[in-house]
mmCIF file of all heavy atoms, coordinates in Angstrom:
data_MODEL
# 
_entry.id   MODEL 
# 
loop_
_atom_site.group_PDB 
_atom_site.id 
_atom_site.type_symbol 
_atom_site.label_atom_id 
_atom_site.label_alt_id 
_atom_site.label_comp_id 
_atom_site.label_asym_id 
_atom_site.label_entity_id 
_atom_site.label_seq_id 
_atom_site.pdbx_PDB_ins_code 
_atom_site.Cartn_x 
_atom_site.Cartn_y 
_atom_site.Cartn_z 
_atom_site.occupancy 
_atom_site.B_iso_or_equiv 
_atom_site.pdbx_formal_charge 
_atom_site.auth_seq_id 
_atom_site.auth_comp_id 
_atom_site.auth_asym_id 
_atom_site.auth_atom_id 
_atom_site.pdbx_PDB_model_num 
ATOM 1   N N   . LEU A 1 1  ? 9.827   15.092  6.400   1.00 0.00 ? 1  LEU A N   1 
ATOM 2   C CA  . LEU A 1 1  ? 9.617   15.094  4.977   1.00 0.00 ? 1  LEU A CA  1 
ATOM 3   C C   . LEU A 1 1  ? 10.947  14.980  4.222   1.00 0.00 ? 1  LEU A C   1 
ATOM 4   O O   . LEU A 1 1  ? 11.022  14.337  3.180   1.00 0.00 ? 1  LEU A O   1 
ATOM 5   C CB  . LEU A 1 1  ? 8.875   16.348  4.556   1.00 0.00 ? 1  LEU A CB  1 
ATOM 6   C CG  . LEU A 1 1  ? 8.561   16.509  3.042   1.00 0.00 ? 1  LEU A CG  1 
ATOM 7   C CD1 . LEU A 1 1  ? 7.735   15.317  2.533   1.00 0.00 ? 1  LEU A CD1 1 
ATOM 8   C CD2 . LEU A 1 1  ? 7.846   17.820  2.772   1.00 0.00 ? 1  LEU A CD2 1 
ATOM 9   N N   . SER A 1 2  ? 11.968  15.606  4.791   1.00 0.00 ? 2  SER A N   1 
ATOM 10  C CA  . SER A 1 2  ? 13.269  15.538  4.154   1.00 0.00 ? 2  SER A CA  1 
ATOM 11  C C   . SER A 1 2  ? 13.809  14.096  4.124   1.00 0.00 ? 2  SER A C   1 
ATOM 12  O O   . SER A 1 2  ? 14.458  13.672  3.144   1.00 0.00 ? 2  SER A O   1 
ATOM 13  C CB  . SER A 1 2  ? 14.263  16.441  4.891   1.00 0.00 ? 2  SER A CB  1 
ATOM 14  O OG  . SER A 1 2  ? 14.346  16.073  6.257   1.00 0.00 ? 2  SER A OG  1 
ATOM 15  N N   . ASP A 1 3  ? 13.500  13.327  5.160   1.00 0.00 ? 3  ASP A N   1 
ATOM 16  C CA  . ASP A 1 3  ? 13.923  11.908  5.192   1.00 0.00 ? 3  ASP A CA  1 
ATOM 17  C C   . ASP A 1 3  ? 13.150  11.125  4.129   1.00 0.00 ? 3  ASP A C   1 
ATOM 18  O O   . ASP A 1 3  ? 13.717  10.258  3.450   1.00 0.00 ? 3  ASP A O   1 
ATOM 19  C CB  . ASP A 1 3  ? 13.644  11.293  6.562   1.00 0.00 ? 3  ASP A CB  1 
ATOM 20  C CG  . ASP A 1 3  ? 14.433  11.986  7.680   1.00 0.00 ? 3  ASP A CG  1 
ATOM 21  O OD1 . ASP A 1 3  ? 15.633  12.236  7.456   1.00 0.00 ? 3  ASP A OD1 1 
ATOM 22  O OD2 . ASP A 1 3  ? 13.830  12.291  8.736   1.00 0.00 ? 3  ASP A OD2 1 
ATOM 23  N N   . GLN A 1 4  ? 11.876  11.442  3.985   1.00 0.00 ? 4  GLN A N   1 
ATOM 24  C CA  . GLN A 1 4  ? 11.054  10.784  2.975   1.00 0.00 ? 4  GLN A CA  1 
ATOM 25  C C   . GLN A 1 4  ? 11.603  11.048  1.563   1.00 0.00 ? 4  GLN A C   1 
ATOM 26  O O   . GLN A 1 4  ? 11.751  10.125  0.759   1.00 0.00 ? 4  GLN A O   1 
ATOM 27  C CB  . GLN A 1 4  ? 9.617   11.282  3.060   1.00 0.00 ? 4  GLN A CB  1 
ATOM 28  C CG  . GLN A 1 4  ? 8.725   10.774  1.958   1.00 0.00 ? 4  GLN A CG  1 
ATOM 29  C CD  . GLN A 1 4  ? 7.329   11.380  2.014   1.00 0.00 ? 4  GLN A CD  1 
ATOM 30  O OE1 . GLN A 1 4  ? 6.815   11.635  3.096   1.00 0.00 ? 4  GLN A OE1 1 
ATOM 31  N NE2 . GLN A 1 4  ? 6.724   11.621  0.866   1.00 0.00 ? 4  GLN A NE2 1 
ATOM 32  N N   . ILE A 1 5  ? 11.945  12.270  1.290   1.00 0.00 ? 5  ILE A N   1 
ATOM 33  C CA  . ILE A 1 5  ? 12.465  12.640  -0.029  1.00 0.00 ? 5  ILE A CA  1 
ATOM 34  C C   . ILE A 1 5  ? 13.824  12.000  -0.249  1.00 0.00 ? 5  ILE A C   1 
ATOM 35  O O   . ILE A 1 5  ? 14.119  11.463  -1.337  1.00 0.00 ? 5  ILE A O   1 
ATOM 36  C CB  . ILE A 1 5  ? 12.578  14.183  -0.171  1.00 0.00 ? 5  ILE A CB  1 
ATOM 37  C CG1 . ILE A 1 5  ? 11.164  14.804  -0.082  1.00 0.00 ? 5  ILE A CG1 1 
ATOM 38  C CG2 . ILE A 1 5  ? 13.278  14.559  -1.449  1.00 0.00 ? 5  ILE A CG2 1 
ATOM 39  C CD1 . ILE A 1 5  ? 11.152  16.305  -0.055  1.00 0.00 ? 5  ILE A CD1 1 
ATOM 40  N N   . ALA A 1 6  ? 14.664  12.032  0.761   1.00 0.00 ? 6  ALA A N   1 
ATOM 41  C CA  . ALA A 1 6  ? 16.038  11.478  0.635   1.00 0.00 ? 6  ALA A CA  1 
ATOM 42  C C   . ALA A 1 6  ? 15.975  9.958   0.391   1.00 0.00 ? 6  ALA A C   1 
ATOM 43  O O   . ALA A 1 6  ? 16.823  9.426   -0.361  1.00 0.00 ? 6  ALA A O   1 
ATOM 44  C CB  . ALA A 1 6  ? 16.831  11.778  1.860   1.00 0.00 ? 6  ALA A CB  1 
ATOM 45  N N   . GLN A 1 7  ? 15.030  9.271   0.983   1.00 0.00 ? 7  GLN A N   1 
ATOM 46  C CA  . GLN A 1 7  ? 14.925  7.812   0.823   1.00 0.00 ? 7  GLN A CA  1 
ATOM 47  C C   . GLN A 1 7  ? 14.066  7.392   -0.345  1.00 0.00 ? 7  GLN A C   1 
ATOM 48  O O   . GLN A 1 7  ? 13.929  6.199   -0.628  1.00 0.00 ? 7  GLN A O   1 
ATOM 49  C CB  . GLN A 1 7  ? 14.365  7.215   2.124   1.00 0.00 ? 7  GLN A CB  1 
ATOM 50  C CG  . GLN A 1 7  ? 15.266  7.422   3.345   1.00 0.00 ? 7  GLN A CG  1 
ATOM 51  C CD  . GLN A 1 7  ? 14.641  6.902   4.631   1.00 0.00 ? 7  GLN A CD  1 
ATOM 52  O OE1 . GLN A 1 7  ? 13.857  5.965   4.607   1.00 0.00 ? 7  GLN A OE1 1 
ATOM 53  N NE2 . GLN A 1 7  ? 15.000  7.540   5.747   1.00 0.00 ? 7  GLN A NE2 1 
ATOM 54  N N   . GLY A 1 8  ? 13.470  8.392   -1.049  1.00 0.00 ? 8  GLY A N   1 
ATOM 55  C CA  . GLY A 1 8  ? 12.634  8.042   -2.191  1.00 0.00 ? 8  GLY A CA  1 
ATOM 56  C C   . GLY A 1 8  ? 11.343  7.371   -1.813  1.00 0.00 ? 8  GLY A C   1 
ATOM 57  O O   . GLY A 1 8  ? 10.741  6.666   -2.641  1.00 0.00 ? 8  GLY A O   1 
ATOM 58  N N   . ALA A 1 9  ? 10.893  7.608   -0.593  1.00 0.00 ? 9  ALA A N   1 
ATOM 59  C CA  . ALA A 1 9  ? 9.629   6.996   -0.147  1.00 0.00 ? 9  ALA A CA  1 
ATOM 60  C C   . ALA A 1 9  ? 8.454   7.646   -0.903  1.00 0.00 ? 9  ALA A C   1 
ATOM 61  O O   . ALA A 1 9  ? 8.435   8.865   -1.119  1.00 0.00 ? 9  ALA A O   1 
ATOM 62  C CB  . ALA A 1 9  ? 9.473   7.213   1.356   1.00 0.00 ? 9  ALA A CB  1 
ATOM 63  N N   . ARG A 1 10 ? 7.479   6.830   -1.255  1.00 0.00 ? 10 ARG A N   1 
ATOM 64  C CA  . ARG A 1 10 ? 6.360   7.326   -2.035  1.00 0.00 ? 10 ARG A CA  1 
ATOM 65  C C   . ARG A 1 10 ? 5.191   6.329   -1.942  1.00 0.00 ? 10 ARG A C   1 
ATOM 66  O O   . ARG A 1 10 ? 5.372   5.158   -1.586  1.00 0.00 ? 10 ARG A O   1 
ATOM 67  C CB  . ARG A 1 10 ? 6.751   7.483   -3.502  1.00 0.00 ? 10 ARG A CB  1 
ATOM 68  C CG  . ARG A 1 10 ? 7.444   6.275   -4.077  1.00 0.00 ? 10 ARG A CG  1 
ATOM 69  C CD  . ARG A 1 10 ? 7.299   6.206   -5.578  1.00 0.00 ? 10 ARG A CD  1 
ATOM 70  N NE  . ARG A 1 10 ? 5.941   5.872   -5.976  1.00 0.00 ? 10 ARG A NE  1 
ATOM 71  C CZ  . ARG A 1 10 ? 5.522   5.809   -7.228  1.00 0.00 ? 10 ARG A CZ  1 
ATOM 72  N NH1 . ARG A 1 10 ? 6.348   6.109   -8.206  1.00 0.00 ? 10 ARG A NH1 1 
ATOM 73  N NH2 . ARG A 1 10 ? 4.282   5.466   -7.521  1.00 0.00 ? 10 ARG A NH2 1 
ATOM 74  N N   . PRO A 1 11 ? 3.980   6.777   -2.277  1.00 0.00 ? 11 PRO A N   1 
ATOM 75  C CA  . PRO A 1 11 ? 2.843   5.860   -2.288  1.00 0.00 ? 11 PRO A CA  1 
ATOM 76  C C   . PRO A 1 11 ? 2.900   4.956   -3.515  1.00 0.00 ? 11 PRO A C   1 
ATOM 77  O O   . PRO A 1 11 ? 3.346   5.368   -4.596  1.00 0.00 ? 11 PRO A O   1 
ATOM 78  C CB  . PRO A 1 11 ? 1.627   6.799   -2.334  1.00 0.00 ? 11 PRO A CB  1 
ATOM 79  C CG  . PRO A 1 11 ? 2.144   8.030   -2.973  1.00 0.00 ? 11 PRO A CG  1 
ATOM 80  C CD  . PRO A 1 11 ? 3.574   8.169   -2.555  1.00 0.00 ? 11 PRO A CD  1 
ATOM 81  N N   . ASN A 1 12 ? 2.430   3.727   -3.357  1.00 0.00 ? 12 ASN A N   1 
ATOM 82  C CA  . ASN A 1 12 ? 2.334   2.762   -4.465  1.00 0.00 ? 12 ASN A CA  1 
ATOM 83  C C   . ASN A 1 12 ? 0.983   2.088   -4.396  1.00 0.00 ? 12 ASN A C   1 
ATOM 84  O O   . ASN A 1 12 ? 0.505   1.721   -3.314  1.00 0.00 ? 12 ASN A O   1 
ATOM 85  C CB  . ASN A 1 12 ? 3.441   1.720   -4.377  1.00 0.00 ? 12 ASN A CB  1 
ATOM 86  C CG  . ASN A 1 12 ? 4.813   2.271   -4.645  1.00 0.00 ? 12 ASN A CG  1 
ATOM 87  O OD1 . ASN A 1 12 ? 5.029   2.924   -5.668  1.00 0.00 ? 12 ASN A OD1 1 
ATOM 88  N ND2 . ASN A 1 12 ? 5.740   2.058   -3.717  1.00 0.00 ? 12 ASN A ND2 1 
ATOM 89  N N   . THR A 1 13 ? 0.374   1.914   -5.530  1.00 0.00 ? 13 THR A N   1 
ATOM 90  C CA  . THR A 1 13 ? -0.916  1.199   -5.574  1.00 0.00 ? 13 THR A CA  1 
ATOM 91  C C   . THR A 1 13 ? -0.685  -0.268  -5.805  1.00 0.00 ? 13 THR A C   1 
ATOM 92  O O   . THR A 1 13 ? 0.227   -0.693  -6.538  1.00 0.00 ? 13 THR A O   1 
ATOM 93  C CB  . THR A 1 13 ? -1.805  1.741   -6.709  1.00 0.00 ? 13 THR A CB  1 
ATOM 94  O OG1 . THR A 1 13 ? -1.122  1.625   -7.966  1.00 0.00 ? 13 THR A OG1 1 
ATOM 95  C CG2 . THR A 1 13 ? -2.184  3.199   -6.440  1.00 0.00 ? 13 THR A CG2 1 
ATOM 96  N N   . ILE A 1 14 ? -1.467  -1.113  -5.122  1.00 0.00 ? 14 ILE A N   1 
ATOM 97  C CA  . ILE A 1 14 ? -1.403  -2.548  -5.268  1.00 0.00 ? 14 ILE A CA  1 
ATOM 98  C C   . ILE A 1 14 ? -2.790  -3.060  -5.677  1.00 0.00 ? 14 ILE A C   1 
ATOM 99  O O   . ILE A 1 14 ? -3.803  -2.697  -5.088  1.00 0.00 ? 14 ILE A O   1 
ATOM 100 C CB  . ILE A 1 14 ? -0.960  -3.220  -3.957  1.00 0.00 ? 14 ILE A CB  1 
ATOM 101 C CG1 . ILE A 1 14 ? 0.399   -2.709  -3.509  1.00 0.00 ? 14 ILE A CG1 1 
ATOM 102 C CG2 . ILE A 1 14 ? -0.946  -4.738  -4.088  1.00 0.00 ? 14 ILE A CG2 1 
ATOM 103 C CD1 . ILE A 1 14 ? 0.854   -3.238  -2.160  1.00 0.00 ? 14 ILE A CD1 1 
ATOM 104 N N   . LEU A 1 15 ? -2.814  -3.888  -6.701  1.00 0.00 ? 15 LEU A N   1 
ATOM 105 C CA  . LEU A 1 15 ? -4.071  -4.494  -7.169  1.00 0.00 ? 15 LEU A CA  1 
ATOM 106 C C   . LEU A 1 15 ? -4.263  -5.854  -6.522  1.00 0.00 ? 15 LEU A C   1 
ATOM 107 O O   . LEU A 1 15 ? -3.382  -6.712  -6.590  1.00 0.00 ? 15 LEU A O   1 
ATOM 108 C CB  . LEU A 1 15 ? -4.043  -4.639  -8.704  1.00 0.00 ? 15 LEU A CB  1 
ATOM 109 C CG  . LEU A 1 15 ? -5.180  -5.431  -9.327  1.00 0.00 ? 15 LEU A CG  1 
ATOM 110 C CD1 . LEU A 1 15 ? -6.515  -4.818  -9.040  1.00 0.00 ? 15 LEU A CD1 1 
ATOM 111 C CD2 . LEU A 1 15 ? -4.940  -5.564  -10.845 1.00 0.00 ? 15 LEU A CD2 1 
ATOM 112 N N   . TYR A 1 16 ? -5.409  -6.063  -5.913  1.00 0.00 ? 16 TYR A N   1 
ATOM 113 C CA  . TYR A 1 16 ? -5.747  -7.353  -5.296  1.00 0.00 ? 16 TYR A CA  1 
ATOM 114 C C   . TYR A 1 16 ? -6.969  -7.943  -5.990  1.00 0.00 ? 16 TYR A C   1 
ATOM 115 O O   . TYR A 1 16 ? -7.948  -7.246  -6.272  1.00 0.00 ? 16 TYR A O   1 
ATOM 116 C CB  . TYR A 1 16 ? -6.064  -7.179  -3.783  1.00 0.00 ? 16 TYR A CB  1 
ATOM 117 C CG  . TYR A 1 16 ? -4.858  -6.903  -2.950  1.00 0.00 ? 16 TYR A CG  1 
ATOM 118 C CD1 . TYR A 1 16 ? -4.807  -5.761  -2.131  1.00 0.00 ? 16 TYR A CD1 1 
ATOM 119 C CD2 . TYR A 1 16 ? -3.755  -7.733  -2.943  1.00 0.00 ? 16 TYR A CD2 1 
ATOM 120 C CE1 . TYR A 1 16 ? -3.714  -5.488  -1.342  1.00 0.00 ? 16 TYR A CE1 1 
ATOM 121 C CE2 . TYR A 1 16 ? -2.660  -7.449  -2.143  1.00 0.00 ? 16 TYR A CE2 1 
ATOM 122 C CZ  . TYR A 1 16 ? -2.633  -6.344  -1.366  1.00 0.00 ? 16 TYR A CZ  1 
ATOM 123 O OH  . TYR A 1 16 ? -1.546  -6.053  -0.572  1.00 0.00 ? 16 TYR A OH  1 
ATOM 124 N N   . ARG A 1 17 ? -6.901  -9.259  -6.258  1.00 0.00 ? 17 ARG A N   1 
ATOM 125 C CA  . ARG A 1 17 ? -8.060  -9.971  -6.755  1.00 0.00 ? 17 ARG A CA  1 
ATOM 126 C C   . ARG A 1 17 ? -9.022  -10.277 -5.621  1.00 0.00 ? 17 ARG A C   1 
ATOM 127 O O   . ARG A 1 17 ? -8.624  -10.329 -4.456  1.00 0.00 ? 17 ARG A O   1 
ATOM 128 C CB  . ARG A 1 17 ? -7.656  -11.287 -7.429  1.00 0.00 ? 17 ARG A CB  1 
ATOM 129 C CG  . ARG A 1 17 ? -6.676  -11.161 -8.574  1.00 0.00 ? 17 ARG A CG  1 
ATOM 130 C CD  . ARG A 1 17 ? -6.508  -12.522 -9.245  1.00 0.00 ? 17 ARG A CD  1 
ATOM 131 N NE  . ARG A 1 17 ? -6.295  -13.574 -8.277  1.00 0.00 ? 17 ARG A NE  1 
ATOM 132 C CZ  . ARG A 1 17 ? -5.128  -13.890 -7.748  1.00 0.00 ? 17 ARG A CZ  1 
ATOM 133 N NH1 . ARG A 1 17 ? -4.023  -13.245 -8.116  1.00 0.00 ? 17 ARG A NH1 1 
ATOM 134 N NH2 . ARG A 1 17 ? -5.015  -14.892 -6.891  1.00 0.00 ? 17 ARG A NH2 1 
ATOM 135 N N   . ALA A 1 18 ? -10.266 -10.538 -5.940  1.00 0.00 ? 18 ALA A N   1 
ATOM 136 C CA  . ALA A 1 18 ? -11.258 -10.824 -4.941  1.00 0.00 ? 18 ALA A CA  1 
ATOM 137 C C   . ALA A 1 18 ? -10.921 -12.072 -4.120  1.00 0.00 ? 18 ALA A C   1 
ATOM 138 O O   . ALA A 1 18 ? -11.139 -12.114 -2.906  1.00 0.00 ? 18 ALA A O   1 
ATOM 139 C CB  . ALA A 1 18 ? -12.622 -10.989 -5.595  1.00 0.00 ? 18 ALA A CB  1 
ATOM 140 N N   . ASP A 1 19 ? -10.299 -13.063 -4.765  1.00 0.00 ? 19 ASP A N   1 
ATOM 141 C CA  . ASP A 1 19 ? -9.982  -14.326 -4.054  1.00 0.00 ? 19 ASP A CA  1 
ATOM 142 C C   . ASP A 1 19 ? -8.866  -14.130 -3.042  1.00 0.00 ? 19 ASP A C   1 
ATOM 143 O O   . ASP A 1 19 ? -8.660  -15.036 -2.214  1.00 0.00 ? 19 ASP A O   1 
ATOM 144 C CB  . ASP A 1 19 ? -9.586  -15.393 -5.070  1.00 0.00 ? 19 ASP A CB  1 
ATOM 145 C CG  . ASP A 1 19 ? -10.791 -15.924 -5.844  1.00 0.00 ? 19 ASP A CG  1 
ATOM 146 O OD1 . ASP A 1 19 ? -11.919 -15.509 -5.511  1.00 0.00 ? 19 ASP A OD1 1 
ATOM 147 O OD2 . ASP A 1 19 ? -10.616 -16.749 -6.732  1.00 0.00 ? 19 ASP A OD2 1 
ATOM 148 N N   . GLN A 1 20 ? -8.143  -13.031 -3.109  1.00 0.00 ? 20 GLN A N   1 
ATOM 149 C CA  . GLN A 1 20 ? -7.073  -12.820 -2.128  1.00 0.00 ? 20 GLN A CA  1 
ATOM 150 C C   . GLN A 1 20 ? -7.584  -12.342 -0.780  1.00 0.00 ? 20 GLN A C   1 
ATOM 151 O O   . GLN A 1 20 ? -6.873  -12.383 0.226   1.00 0.00 ? 20 GLN A O   1 
ATOM 152 C CB  . GLN A 1 20 ? -6.071  -11.807 -2.691  1.00 0.00 ? 20 GLN A CB  1 
ATOM 153 C CG  . GLN A 1 20 ? -5.250  -12.328 -3.863  1.00 0.00 ? 20 GLN A CG  1 
ATOM 154 C CD  . GLN A 1 20 ? -4.250  -11.293 -4.361  1.00 0.00 ? 20 GLN A CD  1 
ATOM 155 O OE1 . GLN A 1 20 ? -4.489  -10.630 -5.369  1.00 0.00 ? 20 GLN A OE1 1 
ATOM 156 N NE2 . GLN A 1 20 ? -3.130  -11.177 -3.672  1.00 0.00 ? 20 GLN A NE2 1 
ATOM 157 N N   . VAL A 1 21 ? -8.818  -11.851 -0.745  1.00 0.00 ? 21 VAL A N   1 
ATOM 158 C CA  . VAL A 1 21 ? -9.407  -11.368 0.508   1.00 0.00 ? 21 VAL A CA  1 
ATOM 159 C C   . VAL A 1 21 ? -9.952  -12.559 1.308   1.00 0.00 ? 21 VAL A C   1 
ATOM 160 O O   . VAL A 1 21 ? -10.869 -13.223 0.872   1.00 0.00 ? 21 VAL A O   1 
ATOM 161 C CB  . VAL A 1 21 ? -10.518 -10.350 0.227   1.00 0.00 ? 21 VAL A CB  1 
ATOM 162 C CG1 . VAL A 1 21 ? -11.162 -9.879  1.525   1.00 0.00 ? 21 VAL A CG1 1 
ATOM 163 C CG2 . VAL A 1 21 ? -9.955  -9.147  -0.526  1.00 0.00 ? 21 VAL A CG2 1 
ATOM 164 N N   . LEU A 1 22 ? -9.347  -12.777 2.460   1.00 0.00 ? 22 LEU A N   1 
ATOM 165 C CA  . LEU A 1 22 ? -9.762  -13.899 3.330   1.00 0.00 ? 22 LEU A CA  1 
ATOM 166 C C   . LEU A 1 22 ? -10.954 -13.508 4.221   1.00 0.00 ? 22 LEU A C   1 
ATOM 167 O O   . LEU A 1 22 ? -11.722 -14.386 4.613   1.00 0.00 ? 22 LEU A O   1 
ATOM 168 C CB  . LEU A 1 22 ? -8.588  -14.351 4.200   1.00 0.00 ? 22 LEU A CB  1 
ATOM 169 C CG  . LEU A 1 22 ? -7.335  -14.785 3.473   1.00 0.00 ? 22 LEU A CG  1 
ATOM 170 C CD1 . LEU A 1 22 ? -6.246  -15.168 4.485   1.00 0.00 ? 22 LEU A CD1 1 
ATOM 171 C CD2 . LEU A 1 22 ? -7.604  -15.936 2.526   1.00 0.00 ? 22 LEU A CD2 1 
ATOM 172 N N   . GLY A 1 23 ? -11.070 -12.254 4.535   1.00 0.00 ? 23 GLY A N   1 
ATOM 173 C CA  . GLY A 1 23 ? -12.139 -11.787 5.406   1.00 0.00 ? 23 GLY A CA  1 
ATOM 174 C C   . GLY A 1 23 ? -12.026 -10.330 5.665   1.00 0.00 ? 23 GLY A C   1 
ATOM 175 O O   . GLY A 1 23 ? -10.974 -9.724  5.523   1.00 0.00 ? 23 GLY A O   1 
ATOM 176 N N   . PHE A 1 24 ? -13.154 -9.735  6.064   1.00 0.00 ? 24 PHE A N   1 
ATOM 177 C CA  . PHE A 1 24 ? -13.162 -8.299  6.402   1.00 0.00 ? 24 PHE A CA  1 
ATOM 178 C C   . PHE A 1 24 ? -14.251 -8.015  7.403   1.00 0.00 ? 24 PHE A C   1 
ATOM 179 O O   . PHE A 1 24 ? -15.223 -8.793  7.543   1.00 0.00 ? 24 PHE A O   1 
ATOM 180 C CB  . PHE A 1 24 ? -13.362 -7.443  5.146   1.00 0.00 ? 24 PHE A CB  1 
ATOM 181 C CG  . PHE A 1 24 ? -14.630 -7.711  4.364   1.00 0.00 ? 24 PHE A CG  1 
ATOM 182 C CD1 . PHE A 1 24 ? -15.832 -7.047  4.721   1.00 0.00 ? 24 PHE A CD1 1 
ATOM 183 C CD2 . PHE A 1 24 ? -14.679 -8.638  3.369   1.00 0.00 ? 24 PHE A CD2 1 
ATOM 184 C CE1 . PHE A 1 24 ? -16.992 -7.301  4.058   1.00 0.00 ? 24 PHE A CE1 1 
ATOM 185 C CE2 . PHE A 1 24 ? -15.833 -8.912  2.681   1.00 0.00 ? 24 PHE A CE2 1 
ATOM 186 C CZ  . PHE A 1 24 ? -17.011 -8.247  3.017   1.00 0.00 ? 24 PHE A CZ  1 
ATOM 187 N N   . LYS A 1 25 ? -14.087 -6.942  8.118   1.00 0.00 ? 25 LYS A N   1 
ATOM 188 C CA  . LYS A 1 25 ? -15.086 -6.491  9.093   1.00 0.00 ? 25 LYS A CA  1 
ATOM 189 C C   . LYS A 1 25 ? -15.393 -5.022  8.798   1.00 0.00 ? 25 LYS A C   1 
ATOM 190 O O   . LYS A 1 25 ? -14.528 -4.274  8.359   1.00 0.00 ? 25 LYS A O   1 
ATOM 191 C CB  . LYS A 1 25 ? -14.586 -6.623  10.530  1.00 0.00 ? 25 LYS A CB  1 
ATOM 192 C CG  . LYS A 1 25 ? -14.346 -8.095  10.951  1.00 0.00 ? 25 LYS A CG  1 
ATOM 193 C CD  . LYS A 1 25 ? -13.840 -8.185  12.387  1.00 0.00 ? 25 LYS A CD  1 
ATOM 194 C CE  . LYS A 1 25 ? -13.578 -9.607  12.808  1.00 0.00 ? 25 LYS A CE  1 
ATOM 195 N NZ  . LYS A 1 25 ? -13.097 -9.718  14.209  1.00 0.00 ? 25 LYS A NZ  1 
ATOM 196 N N   . HIS A 1 26 ? -16.648 -4.628  9.057   1.00 0.00 ? 26 HIS A N   1 
ATOM 197 C CA  . HIS A 1 26 ? -17.028 -3.259  8.844   1.00 0.00 ? 26 HIS A CA  1 
ATOM 198 C C   . HIS A 1 26 ? -18.120 -2.856  9.842   1.00 0.00 ? 26 HIS A C   1 
ATOM 199 O O   . HIS A 1 26 ? -18.772 -3.727  10.425  1.00 0.00 ? 26 HIS A O   1 
ATOM 200 C CB  . HIS A 1 26 ? -17.496 -3.037  7.410   1.00 0.00 ? 26 HIS A CB  1 
ATOM 201 C CG  . HIS A 1 26 ? -18.669 -3.906  7.025   1.00 0.00 ? 26 HIS A CG  1 
ATOM 202 N ND1 . HIS A 1 26 ? -19.945 -3.454  6.984   1.00 0.00 ? 26 HIS A ND1 1 
ATOM 203 C CD2 . HIS A 1 26 ? -18.711 -5.211  6.655   1.00 0.00 ? 26 HIS A CD2 1 
ATOM 204 C CE1 . HIS A 1 26 ? -20.753 -4.435  6.570   1.00 0.00 ? 26 HIS A CE1 1 
ATOM 205 N NE2 . HIS A 1 26 ? -20.034 -5.502  6.395   1.00 0.00 ? 26 HIS A NE2 1 
# 
């Protein structure tokens, strides 16, 4: 965790349009 804090690592949200999805499995 100390490495994460020191490097400024954090979660980021990314928005994807529907046309960017080439395929999925479930």
